[in-house]
Amino acid sequence: MGNRKKNRLDNMGIGILIGLALPVIVFFVVYFVSESGISFSNYIGNLMYLQALVKLGSLCVFANSAVFLLFIKMKYDKIAHGILGATILYAFAIMISQLF
């Protein structure tokens, strides 16, 4: 009976949502921990001026690898594939932003 419940939760859509949301959450946590005294738009502007926005974004996406490994270990393969797909989408976005 435990396998049925596990298989029902093992969904690629859930993995994509986790993979897309986690880097955004990590980015906001970094903002609130490091520079809570300035506005968010000034924070983004400072990161762009320092050419650090893409680098910080890459580090935020790196958090997906830990969650990916966790779901692989728990045998939630479809969720792990969704997280990997979202990570690849972020990687393409970062590569494109590097061109401009």
Protein backbone atom coordinates (compact mmCIF):
# COMPACT_ATOMS: atom_id res chain seq x y z
CA MET A 1 0.00 0.00 0.00
CA GLY A 2 2.93 2.36 0.61
CA ASN A 3 4.07 2.00 -3.01
CA ARG A 4 0.71 3.19 -4.36
CA LYS A 5 0.86 6.39 -2.39
CA LYS A 6 4.47 6.94 -3.38
CA ASN A 7 3.73 6.39 -7.09
CA ARG A 8 0.81 8.81 -6.98
CA LEU A 9 3.06 11.56 -5.59
CA ASP A 10 5.86 10.77 -8.04
CA ASN A 11 4.89 13.26 -10.73
CA MET A 12 7.08 15.15 -13.18
CA GLY A 13 4.92 18.27 -12.91
CA ILE A 14 5.61 18.49 -9.19
CA GLY A 15 9.32 18.20 -9.94
CA ILE A 16 9.19 21.01 -12.48
CA LEU A 17 7.37 23.25 -10.00
CA ILE A 18 9.93 22.47 -7.29
CA GLY A 19 12.80 22.99 -9.74
CA LEU A 20 11.47 26.36 -10.88
CA ALA A 21 10.47 27.65 -7.44
CA LEU A 22 13.50 26.63 -5.38
CA PRO A 23 16.07 28.96 -7.04
CA VAL A 24 13.66 31.89 -6.69
CA ILE A 25 13.16 31.10 -3.00
CA VAL A 26 16.93 30.82 -2.49
CA PHE A 27 17.42 34.17 -4.28
CA PHE A 28 14.95 35.91 -1.96
CA VAL A 29 16.50 34.29 1.10
CA VAL A 30 19.89 35.63 0.01
CA TYR A 31 18.35 39.07 -0.49
CA PHE A 32 16.66 39.16 2.90
CA VAL A 33 19.74 37.84 4.72
CA SER A 34 22.34 40.01 3.02
CA GLU A 35 20.79 43.35 2.03
CA SER A 36 17.50 43.85 3.80
CA GLY A 37 18.20 47.58 4.23
CA ILE A 38 17.78 48.50 0.55
CA SER A 39 14.88 48.09 -1.83
CA PHE A 40 14.65 45.06 -4.05
CA SER A 41 14.97 47.12 -7.24
CA ASN A 42 18.16 48.77 -5.92
CA TYR A 43 19.48 45.33 -4.97
CA ILE A 44 18.92 44.06 -8.51
CA GLY A 45 20.44 47.23 -9.94
CA ASN A 46 23.54 46.84 -7.78
CA LEU A 47 23.92 43.21 -8.85
CA MET A 48 23.63 44.22 -12.49
CA TYR A 49 26.17 47.02 -12.01
CA LEU A 50 28.60 44.60 -10.38
CA GLN A 51 27.84 41.99 -13.08
CA ALA A 52 26.95 39.55 -10.31
CA LEU A 53 23.28 38.90 -11.09
CA VAL A 54 23.98 35.95 -13.39
CA LYS A 55 26.54 34.53 -10.96
CA LEU A 56 24.12 34.72 -8.05
CA GLY A 57 21.41 33.20 -10.23
CA SER A 58 23.70 30.31 -11.07
CA LEU A 59 24.39 29.70 -7.40
CA CYS A 60 20.67 29.72 -6.65
CA VAL A 61 20.05 27.10 -9.34
CA PHE A 62 22.80 24.99 -7.77
CA ALA A 63 20.41 24.31 -4.88
CA ASN A 64 18.40 22.16 -7.30
CA SER A 65 21.20 19.59 -7.37
CA ALA A 66 20.82 18.83 -3.66
CA VAL A 67 17.05 18.42 -3.98
CA PHE A 68 17.52 16.33 -7.13
CA LEU A 69 19.85 13.95 -5.28
CA LEU A 70 17.43 13.77 -2.35
CA PHE A 71 14.55 12.68 -4.58
CA ILE A 72 16.75 10.17 -6.43
CA LYS A 73 17.70 8.64 -3.07
CA MET A 74 14.02 8.50 -2.07
CA LYS A 75 13.22 6.73 -5.39
CA TYR A 76 10.99 9.53 -6.67
CA ASP A 77 12.41 9.35 -10.17
CA LYS A 78 9.74 11.38 -11.98
CA ILE A 79 10.04 14.27 -9.53
CA ALA A 80 13.83 14.12 -9.93
CA HIS A 81 13.45 14.25 -13.73
CA GLY A 82 11.21 17.32 -13.41
CA ILE A 83 13.79 19.05 -11.22
CA LEU A 84 16.50 18.19 -13.75
CA GLY A 85 14.36 19.59 -16.57
CA ALA A 86 13.81 22.86 -14.70
CA THR A 87 17.53 23.07 -13.98
CA ILE A 88 18.29 22.66 -17.67
CA LEU A 89 15.79 25.44 -18.50
CA TYR A 90 17.54 27.73 -16.01
CA ALA A 91 20.91 26.77 -17.50
CA PHE A 92 19.71 27.79 -20.98
CA ALA A 93 18.37 31.08 -19.59
CA ILE A 94 21.70 31.79 -17.91
CA MET A 95 23.63 30.95 -21.07
CA ILE A 96 21.41 33.27 -23.13
CA SER A 97 21.80 36.06 -20.57
CA GLN A 98 25.57 35.67 -20.81
CA LEU A 99 25.37 36.54 -24.51
CA PHE A 100 23.78 39.92 -23.79
